[in-house]
N, C-alpha and C. Protein backbone atom coordinates (compact mmCIF):
# COMPACT_ATOMS: atom_id res chain seq x y z
N MET A 1 27.66 -45.94 27.06
CA MET A 1 27.68 -45.29 28.35
C MET A 1 28.60 -44.07 28.26
N ARG A 2 28.13 -42.99 28.88
CA ARG A 2 28.95 -41.77 28.91
C ARG A 2 28.67 -41.02 30.20
N LEU A 3 29.70 -40.75 30.98
CA LEU A 3 29.57 -39.98 32.21
C LEU A 3 30.07 -38.57 31.94
N ILE A 4 29.22 -37.60 32.23
CA ILE A 4 29.55 -36.19 32.05
C ILE A 4 29.64 -35.56 33.44
N GLY A 5 30.79 -35.05 33.79
CA GLY A 5 30.98 -34.47 35.11
C GLY A 5 31.59 -35.48 36.06
N THR A 6 31.68 -35.09 37.33
CA THR A 6 32.32 -35.90 38.35
C THR A 6 31.32 -36.27 39.43
N VAL A 7 31.27 -37.55 39.77
CA VAL A 7 30.38 -38.03 40.82
C VAL A 7 31.03 -37.71 42.17
N THR A 8 30.28 -37.07 43.06
CA THR A 8 30.75 -36.76 44.40
C THR A 8 29.66 -37.12 45.41
N PRO A 9 30.04 -37.40 46.65
CA PRO A 9 29.06 -37.82 47.65
C PRO A 9 28.07 -36.73 48.07
N ASP A 10 28.31 -35.48 47.69
CA ASP A 10 27.42 -34.40 48.11
C ASP A 10 26.40 -33.99 47.05
N ARG A 11 26.37 -34.70 45.92
CA ARG A 11 25.44 -34.35 44.84
C ARG A 11 24.78 -35.60 44.28
N PRO A 12 23.55 -35.46 43.78
CA PRO A 12 22.92 -36.60 43.12
C PRO A 12 23.52 -36.82 41.74
N LEU A 13 23.39 -38.05 41.26
CA LEU A 13 23.78 -38.41 39.90
C LEU A 13 22.51 -38.48 39.06
N LEU A 14 22.48 -37.72 37.97
CA LEU A 14 21.35 -37.77 37.04
C LEU A 14 21.62 -38.88 36.04
N VAL A 15 20.65 -39.76 35.85
CA VAL A 15 20.80 -40.89 34.95
C VAL A 15 19.72 -40.81 33.88
N LEU A 16 20.14 -40.77 32.62
CA LEU A 16 19.23 -40.69 31.49
C LEU A 16 19.68 -41.68 30.43
N ALA A 17 18.77 -42.11 29.60
CA ALA A 17 19.12 -43.07 28.56
C ALA A 17 19.85 -42.43 27.40
N LEU A 18 19.34 -41.30 26.92
CA LEU A 18 19.80 -40.75 25.65
C LEU A 18 20.23 -39.29 25.75
N PRO A 19 21.18 -38.88 24.92
CA PRO A 19 21.59 -37.47 24.94
C PRO A 19 20.44 -36.52 24.60
N GLU A 20 19.51 -36.96 23.78
CA GLU A 20 18.36 -36.10 23.44
C GLU A 20 17.57 -35.71 24.68
N GLU A 21 17.49 -36.63 25.65
CA GLU A 21 16.73 -36.35 26.88
C GLU A 21 17.50 -35.44 27.83
N ALA A 22 18.82 -35.37 27.70
CA ALA A 22 19.68 -34.59 28.58
C ALA A 22 20.11 -33.26 27.97
N ALA A 23 19.59 -32.91 26.83
CA ALA A 23 20.09 -31.78 26.04
C ALA A 23 20.11 -30.44 26.78
N TYR A 24 19.22 -30.21 27.74
CA TYR A 24 19.11 -28.90 28.37
C TYR A 24 19.49 -28.89 29.84
N LEU A 25 20.05 -29.97 30.34
CA LEU A 25 20.50 -30.00 31.73
C LEU A 25 21.71 -29.10 31.90
N ASP A 26 21.77 -28.37 33.03
CA ASP A 26 22.96 -27.55 33.24
C ASP A 26 24.09 -28.45 33.75
N ALA A 27 25.28 -27.95 33.75
CA ALA A 27 26.46 -28.76 34.06
C ALA A 27 26.74 -28.84 35.55
N ALA A 28 25.82 -28.39 36.40
CA ALA A 28 26.07 -28.38 37.84
C ALA A 28 26.08 -29.78 38.45
N LEU A 29 25.38 -30.70 37.85
CA LEU A 29 25.28 -32.06 38.39
C LEU A 29 25.83 -33.06 37.38
N PRO A 30 26.43 -34.15 37.88
CA PRO A 30 26.93 -35.17 36.95
C PRO A 30 25.77 -35.89 36.26
N VAL A 31 26.00 -36.25 35.01
CA VAL A 31 24.99 -36.92 34.19
C VAL A 31 25.58 -38.21 33.63
N LEU A 32 24.85 -39.30 33.78
CA LEU A 32 25.22 -40.58 33.18
C LEU A 32 24.23 -40.89 32.07
N LEU A 33 24.74 -41.05 30.86
CA LEU A 33 23.93 -41.48 29.72
C LEU A 33 24.17 -42.98 29.55
N THR A 34 23.12 -43.78 29.70
CA THR A 34 23.27 -45.23 29.76
C THR A 34 23.06 -45.95 28.45
N GLY A 35 22.34 -45.35 27.52
CA GLY A 35 21.84 -46.10 26.37
C GLY A 35 20.47 -46.65 26.73
N MET A 36 19.78 -47.15 25.73
CA MET A 36 18.40 -47.61 25.93
C MET A 36 18.33 -49.03 26.46
N GLY A 37 17.30 -49.29 27.26
CA GLY A 37 17.00 -50.63 27.73
C GLY A 37 17.54 -50.94 29.11
N LYS A 38 16.99 -52.01 29.69
CA LYS A 38 17.33 -52.40 31.06
C LYS A 38 18.78 -52.85 31.21
N VAL A 39 19.30 -53.61 30.26
CA VAL A 39 20.67 -54.10 30.38
C VAL A 39 21.65 -52.94 30.33
N ASN A 40 21.50 -52.04 29.36
CA ASN A 40 22.40 -50.89 29.26
C ASN A 40 22.32 -50.02 30.52
N ALA A 41 21.10 -49.77 31.00
CA ALA A 41 20.93 -48.93 32.18
C ALA A 41 21.58 -49.55 33.41
N ALA A 42 21.32 -50.84 33.64
CA ALA A 42 21.89 -51.52 34.81
C ALA A 42 23.41 -51.58 34.73
N ALA A 43 23.93 -51.96 33.58
CA ALA A 43 25.39 -52.09 33.44
C ALA A 43 26.08 -50.75 33.61
N ALA A 44 25.56 -49.70 33.01
CA ALA A 44 26.19 -48.38 33.10
C ALA A 44 26.18 -47.87 34.54
N LEU A 45 25.04 -47.94 35.21
CA LEU A 45 24.96 -47.43 36.57
C LEU A 45 25.82 -48.27 37.52
N ALA A 46 25.79 -49.58 37.39
CA ALA A 46 26.60 -50.44 38.25
C ALA A 46 28.09 -50.16 38.06
N THR A 47 28.51 -49.93 36.82
CA THR A 47 29.91 -49.62 36.53
C THR A 47 30.33 -48.33 37.21
N VAL A 48 29.52 -47.29 37.10
CA VAL A 48 29.86 -46.00 37.71
C VAL A 48 29.88 -46.11 39.23
N LEU A 49 28.90 -46.79 39.81
CA LEU A 49 28.84 -46.91 41.27
C LEU A 49 29.98 -47.74 41.83
N ALA A 50 30.46 -48.72 41.06
CA ALA A 50 31.56 -49.57 41.53
C ALA A 50 32.93 -48.92 41.34
N GLY A 51 33.00 -47.91 40.49
CA GLY A 51 34.29 -47.38 40.10
C GLY A 51 34.79 -46.16 40.84
N GLY A 52 34.06 -45.67 41.82
CA GLY A 52 34.51 -44.47 42.50
C GLY A 52 33.56 -44.06 43.58
N PRO A 53 33.57 -42.79 43.95
CA PRO A 53 32.67 -42.33 45.01
C PRO A 53 31.22 -42.47 44.58
N LYS A 54 30.38 -42.74 45.57
CA LYS A 54 28.95 -42.84 45.30
C LYS A 54 28.31 -41.46 45.44
N PRO A 55 27.27 -41.21 44.64
CA PRO A 55 26.56 -39.93 44.75
C PRO A 55 25.66 -39.94 45.99
N SER A 56 25.09 -38.79 46.30
CA SER A 56 24.15 -38.71 47.43
C SER A 56 22.84 -39.43 47.11
N ALA A 57 22.50 -39.51 45.83
CA ALA A 57 21.28 -40.16 45.38
C ALA A 57 21.39 -40.40 43.87
N VAL A 58 20.49 -41.22 43.35
CA VAL A 58 20.38 -41.46 41.91
C VAL A 58 19.02 -40.93 41.48
N VAL A 59 19.02 -40.08 40.46
CA VAL A 59 17.78 -39.52 39.93
C VAL A 59 17.70 -39.87 38.45
N ASN A 60 16.75 -40.70 38.10
CA ASN A 60 16.53 -41.09 36.71
C ASN A 60 15.52 -40.16 36.08
N LEU A 61 15.96 -39.38 35.11
CA LEU A 61 15.08 -38.50 34.34
C LEU A 61 14.88 -39.13 32.97
N GLY A 62 13.68 -39.02 32.42
CA GLY A 62 13.48 -39.55 31.09
C GLY A 62 12.06 -39.41 30.60
N THR A 63 11.86 -39.86 29.40
CA THR A 63 10.54 -39.83 28.78
C THR A 63 9.82 -41.15 29.06
N ALA A 64 8.50 -41.08 28.97
CA ALA A 64 7.67 -42.28 29.18
C ALA A 64 6.41 -42.16 28.34
N GLY A 65 5.87 -43.30 27.98
CA GLY A 65 4.60 -43.34 27.27
C GLY A 65 3.45 -43.43 28.26
N ALA A 66 2.38 -42.73 27.97
CA ALA A 66 1.17 -42.78 28.81
C ALA A 66 0.37 -44.02 28.44
N LEU A 67 -0.05 -44.76 29.44
CA LEU A 67 -0.88 -45.94 29.22
C LEU A 67 -2.36 -45.63 29.40
N ARG A 68 -2.67 -44.43 29.88
CA ARG A 68 -4.06 -44.02 30.11
C ARG A 68 -4.31 -42.69 29.39
N PRO A 69 -5.49 -42.53 28.83
CA PRO A 69 -5.81 -41.28 28.13
C PRO A 69 -5.73 -40.08 29.07
N GLY A 70 -5.22 -38.98 28.55
CA GLY A 70 -5.18 -37.74 29.31
C GLY A 70 -4.03 -37.59 30.28
N LEU A 71 -3.19 -38.59 30.42
CA LEU A 71 -2.05 -38.51 31.32
C LEU A 71 -0.94 -37.74 30.62
N ALA A 72 -0.53 -36.62 31.19
CA ALA A 72 0.47 -35.75 30.57
C ALA A 72 1.34 -35.14 31.66
N GLY A 73 2.41 -34.47 31.26
CA GLY A 73 3.24 -33.73 32.20
C GLY A 73 4.38 -34.54 32.79
N THR A 74 4.97 -33.99 33.85
CA THR A 74 6.12 -34.59 34.53
C THR A 74 5.64 -35.23 35.82
N HIS A 75 6.09 -36.46 36.06
CA HIS A 75 5.62 -37.24 37.23
C HIS A 75 6.79 -37.88 37.95
N GLU A 76 6.76 -37.80 39.29
CA GLU A 76 7.69 -38.59 40.09
C GLU A 76 6.99 -39.92 40.38
N ILE A 77 7.66 -41.00 40.08
CA ILE A 77 7.08 -42.34 40.12
C ILE A 77 6.98 -42.84 41.57
N GLY A 78 5.84 -43.46 41.89
CA GLY A 78 5.63 -44.03 43.22
C GLY A 78 5.98 -45.50 43.30
N ARG A 79 5.83 -46.20 42.18
CA ARG A 79 6.11 -47.64 42.13
C ARG A 79 6.56 -48.00 40.72
N VAL A 80 7.53 -48.92 40.63
CA VAL A 80 8.01 -49.36 39.32
C VAL A 80 8.01 -50.89 39.29
N LEU A 81 7.66 -51.44 38.15
CA LEU A 81 7.64 -52.89 37.96
C LEU A 81 8.16 -53.23 36.58
N GLN A 82 8.54 -54.50 36.41
CA GLN A 82 8.97 -54.99 35.09
C GLN A 82 7.76 -55.56 34.37
N HIS A 83 7.50 -55.12 33.17
CA HIS A 83 6.36 -55.68 32.44
C HIS A 83 6.75 -56.83 31.53
N ASP A 84 8.03 -57.05 31.32
CA ASP A 84 8.44 -58.11 30.40
C ASP A 84 9.11 -59.28 31.12
N LEU A 85 8.89 -59.42 32.41
CA LEU A 85 9.37 -60.57 33.18
C LEU A 85 8.15 -61.22 33.81
N ASP A 86 7.96 -62.49 33.54
CA ASP A 86 6.78 -63.21 34.06
C ASP A 86 7.03 -63.65 35.50
N THR A 87 7.01 -62.68 36.41
CA THR A 87 7.33 -62.90 37.81
C THR A 87 6.47 -64.00 38.45
N PRO A 88 5.14 -63.97 38.32
CA PRO A 88 4.34 -65.02 38.97
C PRO A 88 4.70 -66.43 38.50
N LEU A 89 4.90 -66.60 37.21
CA LEU A 89 5.25 -67.93 36.68
C LEU A 89 6.62 -68.36 37.19
N LEU A 90 7.59 -67.47 37.17
CA LEU A 90 8.93 -67.81 37.64
C LEU A 90 8.94 -68.15 39.13
N GLU A 91 8.13 -67.44 39.91
CA GLU A 91 8.02 -67.77 41.34
C GLU A 91 7.40 -69.15 41.53
N GLN A 92 6.40 -69.46 40.71
CA GLN A 92 5.76 -70.78 40.78
C GLN A 92 6.76 -71.88 40.39
N LEU A 93 7.52 -71.66 39.34
CA LEU A 93 8.48 -72.66 38.87
C LEU A 93 9.61 -72.91 39.86
N THR A 94 10.11 -71.85 40.47
CA THR A 94 11.28 -71.97 41.34
C THR A 94 10.94 -72.13 42.82
N GLY A 95 9.73 -71.71 43.19
CA GLY A 95 9.36 -71.74 44.61
C GLY A 95 10.03 -70.63 45.40
N ARG A 96 10.62 -69.66 44.71
CA ARG A 96 11.30 -68.54 45.37
C ARG A 96 10.74 -67.22 44.86
N PRO A 97 10.76 -66.20 45.71
CA PRO A 97 10.32 -64.89 45.23
C PRO A 97 11.29 -64.31 44.20
N MET A 98 10.75 -63.64 43.23
CA MET A 98 11.55 -62.97 42.20
C MET A 98 11.51 -61.47 42.46
N ASP A 99 12.22 -60.74 41.63
CA ASP A 99 12.22 -59.29 41.77
C ASP A 99 10.86 -58.74 41.37
N GLY A 100 10.09 -58.33 42.37
CA GLY A 100 8.76 -57.78 42.13
C GLY A 100 8.82 -56.27 42.05
N PRO A 101 7.66 -55.64 42.16
CA PRO A 101 7.60 -54.18 42.10
C PRO A 101 8.46 -53.53 43.19
N ILE A 102 8.94 -52.33 42.91
CA ILE A 102 9.73 -51.55 43.86
C ILE A 102 8.92 -50.30 44.20
N ASP A 103 8.63 -50.14 45.48
CA ASP A 103 7.93 -48.94 45.94
C ASP A 103 8.94 -47.85 46.22
N LEU A 104 8.72 -46.69 45.61
CA LEU A 104 9.67 -45.58 45.70
C LEU A 104 9.16 -44.44 46.56
N GLY A 105 7.88 -44.34 46.73
CA GLY A 105 7.31 -43.24 47.50
C GLY A 105 5.84 -43.48 47.74
N PRO A 106 5.27 -42.69 48.62
CA PRO A 106 3.87 -42.91 48.99
C PRO A 106 2.86 -42.54 47.90
N ALA A 107 3.27 -41.70 46.99
CA ALA A 107 2.33 -41.27 45.95
C ALA A 107 3.05 -41.30 44.60
N GLY A 108 2.29 -41.11 43.56
CA GLY A 108 2.88 -41.07 42.22
C GLY A 108 2.41 -42.24 41.40
N PRO A 109 2.47 -42.08 40.09
CA PRO A 109 1.98 -43.14 39.20
C PRO A 109 2.87 -44.38 39.23
N VAL A 110 2.33 -45.46 38.70
CA VAL A 110 3.06 -46.73 38.55
C VAL A 110 3.70 -46.73 37.17
N LEU A 111 4.99 -47.07 37.14
CA LEU A 111 5.76 -47.14 35.90
C LEU A 111 6.05 -48.60 35.59
N ALA A 112 5.77 -49.01 34.37
CA ALA A 112 6.11 -50.35 33.89
C ALA A 112 7.34 -50.22 33.00
N THR A 113 8.39 -51.00 33.32
CA THR A 113 9.63 -50.95 32.54
C THR A 113 9.80 -52.25 31.77
N GLY A 114 10.20 -52.13 30.52
CA GLY A 114 10.49 -53.31 29.70
C GLY A 114 11.35 -52.91 28.52
N ASP A 115 11.94 -53.89 27.88
CA ASP A 115 12.85 -53.63 26.79
C ASP A 115 12.17 -53.42 25.44
N ARG A 116 10.86 -53.45 25.42
CA ARG A 116 10.14 -53.20 24.17
C ARG A 116 9.57 -51.79 24.19
N PHE A 117 9.74 -51.05 23.10
CA PHE A 117 9.07 -49.76 22.93
C PHE A 117 7.62 -50.07 22.60
N VAL A 118 6.70 -49.63 23.43
CA VAL A 118 5.28 -49.97 23.27
C VAL A 118 4.69 -49.09 22.18
N SER A 119 4.40 -49.73 21.04
CA SER A 119 3.87 -48.98 19.90
C SER A 119 2.66 -49.66 19.28
N SER A 120 1.93 -50.39 20.11
CA SER A 120 0.65 -50.96 19.63
C SER A 120 -0.41 -50.73 20.70
N ASP A 121 -1.62 -50.43 20.23
CA ASP A 121 -2.73 -50.20 21.16
C ASP A 121 -3.01 -51.43 22.00
N THR A 122 -2.87 -52.61 21.43
CA THR A 122 -3.14 -53.85 22.17
C THR A 122 -2.20 -54.00 23.36
N GLU A 123 -0.90 -53.81 23.13
CA GLU A 123 0.06 -53.92 24.22
C GLU A 123 -0.15 -52.82 25.26
N ARG A 124 -0.42 -51.60 24.80
CA ARG A 124 -0.70 -50.49 25.72
C ARG A 124 -1.87 -50.81 26.62
N ASP A 125 -2.96 -51.30 26.05
CA ASP A 125 -4.16 -51.59 26.84
C ASP A 125 -3.92 -52.70 27.85
N GLU A 126 -3.10 -53.68 27.49
CA GLU A 126 -2.76 -54.76 28.42
C GLU A 126 -1.92 -54.21 29.58
N LEU A 127 -0.94 -53.38 29.29
CA LEU A 127 -0.09 -52.80 30.34
C LEU A 127 -0.86 -51.86 31.25
N ALA A 128 -1.88 -51.19 30.70
CA ALA A 128 -2.65 -50.23 31.49
C ALA A 128 -3.40 -50.89 32.64
N ARG A 129 -3.52 -52.21 32.63
CA ARG A 129 -4.17 -52.90 33.76
C ARG A 129 -3.31 -52.85 35.02
N ALA A 130 -1.99 -52.67 34.84
CA ALA A 130 -1.08 -52.71 35.99
C ALA A 130 -0.31 -51.41 36.21
N ALA A 131 -0.30 -50.50 35.24
CA ALA A 131 0.55 -49.32 35.35
C ALA A 131 -0.07 -48.12 34.65
N ASP A 132 0.53 -46.96 34.89
CA ASP A 132 0.07 -45.71 34.29
C ASP A 132 0.99 -45.24 33.16
N LEU A 133 2.30 -45.52 33.31
CA LEU A 133 3.32 -45.08 32.35
C LEU A 133 4.21 -46.26 32.00
N VAL A 134 4.92 -46.14 30.88
CA VAL A 134 5.84 -47.19 30.45
C VAL A 134 7.15 -46.56 29.98
N ASP A 135 8.28 -47.20 30.36
CA ASP A 135 9.59 -46.78 29.89
C ASP A 135 10.47 -48.00 29.67
N MET A 136 11.76 -47.77 29.43
CA MET A 136 12.66 -48.89 29.13
C MET A 136 13.85 -49.01 30.08
N GLU A 137 13.96 -48.12 31.10
CA GLU A 137 15.13 -48.16 31.98
C GLU A 137 14.82 -48.06 33.48
N GLY A 138 13.71 -47.51 33.86
CA GLY A 138 13.43 -47.17 35.26
C GLY A 138 13.63 -48.29 36.27
N TYR A 139 13.09 -49.47 35.99
CA TYR A 139 13.20 -50.57 36.94
C TYR A 139 14.66 -50.96 37.16
N ALA A 140 15.43 -51.00 36.10
CA ALA A 140 16.85 -51.38 36.22
C ALA A 140 17.60 -50.36 37.06
N ILE A 141 17.35 -49.09 36.85
CA ILE A 141 18.04 -48.05 37.61
C ILE A 141 17.63 -48.11 39.08
N ALA A 142 16.34 -48.30 39.35
CA ALA A 142 15.88 -48.41 40.74
C ALA A 142 16.49 -49.62 41.43
N THR A 143 16.62 -50.72 40.72
CA THR A 143 17.20 -51.94 41.29
C THR A 143 18.67 -51.74 41.65
N VAL A 144 19.45 -51.21 40.71
CA VAL A 144 20.88 -51.03 40.96
C VAL A 144 21.10 -50.02 42.10
N ALA A 145 20.40 -48.90 42.09
CA ALA A 145 20.57 -47.90 43.14
C ALA A 145 20.17 -48.48 44.50
N SER A 146 19.06 -49.19 44.55
CA SER A 146 18.61 -49.79 45.82
C SER A 146 19.62 -50.80 46.34
N ARG A 147 20.15 -51.63 45.47
CA ARG A 147 21.15 -52.63 45.90
C ARG A 147 22.44 -51.97 46.37
N ALA A 148 22.73 -50.77 45.87
CA ALA A 148 23.91 -50.02 46.30
C ALA A 148 23.64 -49.21 47.57
N GLY A 149 22.41 -49.28 48.07
CA GLY A 149 22.05 -48.56 49.28
C GLY A 149 21.84 -47.07 49.08
N LEU A 150 21.51 -46.66 47.86
CA LEU A 150 21.33 -45.25 47.55
C LEU A 150 19.86 -44.89 47.37
N PRO A 151 19.47 -43.72 47.82
CA PRO A 151 18.11 -43.25 47.51
C PRO A 151 17.97 -43.09 46.00
N VAL A 152 16.77 -43.37 45.51
CA VAL A 152 16.54 -43.28 44.07
C VAL A 152 15.19 -42.62 43.81
N ARG A 153 15.18 -41.77 42.80
CA ARG A 153 13.95 -41.12 42.34
C ARG A 153 13.86 -41.34 40.84
N LEU A 154 12.66 -41.67 40.37
CA LEU A 154 12.40 -41.79 38.93
C LEU A 154 11.44 -40.66 38.56
N VAL A 155 11.84 -39.83 37.62
CA VAL A 155 11.03 -38.70 37.18
C VAL A 155 10.86 -38.82 35.68
N LYS A 156 9.62 -38.94 35.26
CA LYS A 156 9.33 -39.17 33.84
C LYS A 156 8.40 -38.09 33.29
N HIS A 157 8.71 -37.66 32.07
CA HIS A 157 7.82 -36.73 31.37
C HIS A 157 7.14 -37.50 30.24
N VAL A 158 5.83 -37.35 30.16
CA VAL A 158 5.06 -38.07 29.15
C VAL A 158 5.39 -37.50 27.77
N SER A 159 5.91 -38.38 26.92
CA SER A 159 6.32 -37.97 25.57
C SER A 159 5.30 -38.38 24.51
N ASP A 160 4.49 -39.36 24.84
CA ASP A 160 3.56 -39.90 23.84
C ASP A 160 2.51 -40.74 24.54
N GLU A 161 1.46 -41.05 23.82
CA GLU A 161 0.49 -42.03 24.29
C GLU A 161 0.94 -43.36 23.70
N ALA A 162 1.50 -44.20 24.55
CA ALA A 162 2.00 -45.50 24.07
C ALA A 162 0.92 -46.15 23.23
N GLY A 163 1.30 -46.72 22.13
CA GLY A 163 0.34 -47.36 21.24
C GLY A 163 0.68 -47.04 19.80
N ASP A 164 -0.29 -47.26 18.94
CA ASP A 164 -0.09 -47.03 17.50
C ASP A 164 0.43 -45.61 17.26
N GLY A 165 1.55 -45.49 16.57
CA GLY A 165 2.13 -44.20 16.23
C GLY A 165 3.01 -43.58 17.29
N ALA A 166 3.25 -44.29 18.40
CA ALA A 166 4.03 -43.70 19.49
C ALA A 166 5.44 -43.32 19.07
N GLU A 167 6.04 -44.10 18.16
CA GLU A 167 7.41 -43.79 17.76
C GLU A 167 7.50 -42.43 17.08
N LEU A 168 6.49 -42.05 16.32
CA LEU A 168 6.48 -40.74 15.67
C LEU A 168 6.23 -39.64 16.68
N SER A 169 5.35 -39.89 17.64
CA SER A 169 5.07 -38.91 18.70
C SER A 169 6.32 -38.65 19.53
N TRP A 170 7.06 -39.72 19.88
CA TRP A 170 8.27 -39.56 20.70
C TRP A 170 9.29 -38.69 19.96
N GLN A 171 9.51 -38.97 18.70
CA GLN A 171 10.49 -38.20 17.93
C GLN A 171 10.12 -36.72 17.89
N ALA A 172 8.85 -36.44 17.76
CA ALA A 172 8.40 -35.05 17.66
C ALA A 172 8.43 -34.33 19.01
N SER A 173 8.33 -35.06 20.11
CA SER A 173 8.20 -34.42 21.42
C SER A 173 9.44 -34.47 22.29
N VAL A 174 10.45 -35.25 21.96
CA VAL A 174 11.57 -35.46 22.86
C VAL A 174 12.30 -34.15 23.20
N ASP A 175 12.44 -33.23 22.28
CA ASP A 175 13.13 -31.98 22.57
C ASP A 175 12.38 -31.16 23.61
N GLY A 176 11.08 -31.05 23.46
CA GLY A 176 10.26 -30.34 24.45
C GLY A 176 10.29 -31.03 25.80
N CYS A 177 10.27 -32.35 25.80
CA CYS A 177 10.36 -33.12 27.05
C CYS A 177 11.69 -32.85 27.75
N ALA A 178 12.78 -32.80 26.99
CA ALA A 178 14.09 -32.55 27.56
C ALA A 178 14.14 -31.18 28.24
N ARG A 179 13.51 -30.19 27.66
CA ARG A 179 13.45 -28.86 28.28
C ARG A 179 12.70 -28.91 29.61
N LEU A 180 11.58 -29.61 29.63
CA LEU A 180 10.77 -29.69 30.85
C LEU A 180 11.45 -30.53 31.93
N LEU A 181 12.16 -31.57 31.54
CA LEU A 181 12.92 -32.35 32.52
C LEU A 181 14.05 -31.51 33.12
N ALA A 182 14.71 -30.70 32.30
CA ALA A 182 15.76 -29.81 32.81
C ALA A 182 15.17 -28.78 33.76
N ASP A 183 13.99 -28.26 33.44
CA ASP A 183 13.31 -27.32 34.35
C ASP A 183 13.00 -27.99 35.68
N TRP A 184 12.52 -29.24 35.64
CA TRP A 184 12.23 -29.98 36.88
C TRP A 184 13.50 -30.15 37.70
N ALA A 185 14.58 -30.55 37.06
CA ALA A 185 15.85 -30.75 37.77
C ALA A 185 16.33 -29.45 38.41
N ALA A 186 16.24 -28.34 37.69
CA ALA A 186 16.68 -27.05 38.23
C ALA A 186 15.85 -26.64 39.43
N ALA A 187 14.57 -26.98 39.43
CA ALA A 187 13.68 -26.59 40.53
C ALA A 187 13.76 -27.52 41.74
N HIS A 188 14.15 -28.80 41.53
CA HIS A 188 14.06 -29.79 42.60
C HIS A 188 15.38 -30.36 43.09
N LEU A 189 16.47 -30.09 42.38
CA LEU A 189 17.76 -30.72 42.74
C LEU A 189 18.85 -29.69 42.89
N ARG A 190 19.77 -29.98 43.76
CA ARG A 190 21.02 -29.20 43.91
C ARG A 190 21.95 -29.96 44.76
């Protein structure tokens, strides 16, 4: 975890997993680098929110894999869900509702979050039944921000077509994605 800048109530906090994704952000807004995965993202954001002033909002910027052919560009997420938690089975076993999907806005693609980097066509095709994009931190960030009573936005740039060879595509595209995410932040946040 690394916090760059100072969190203040009049500015949003930008939350990203990796320094590669934050490489071109200007220093006007505070940036939290969480590390990869749901546990790192949740722990880092919860620590920052508990330790001082809260930001005006939480904005998660990052890369995502496309689960559908032809999906490209930068997208603000409308709904996020966990793909690696068997919510229906756990609800059946306990008789209680579990953490289901989180609706973030009226429009936008569905993001599936899980701790596995999706690099097989079989897993991609299975996830595509419920979502459009896949990442490793979005659901955790949305959960922590929501529980803290803060507005949250998830903005993802498609870095690869999740599936066979995705790890090579991500490595080749992350720098370009970081530039486009910084452009989005400059145009939409202040």
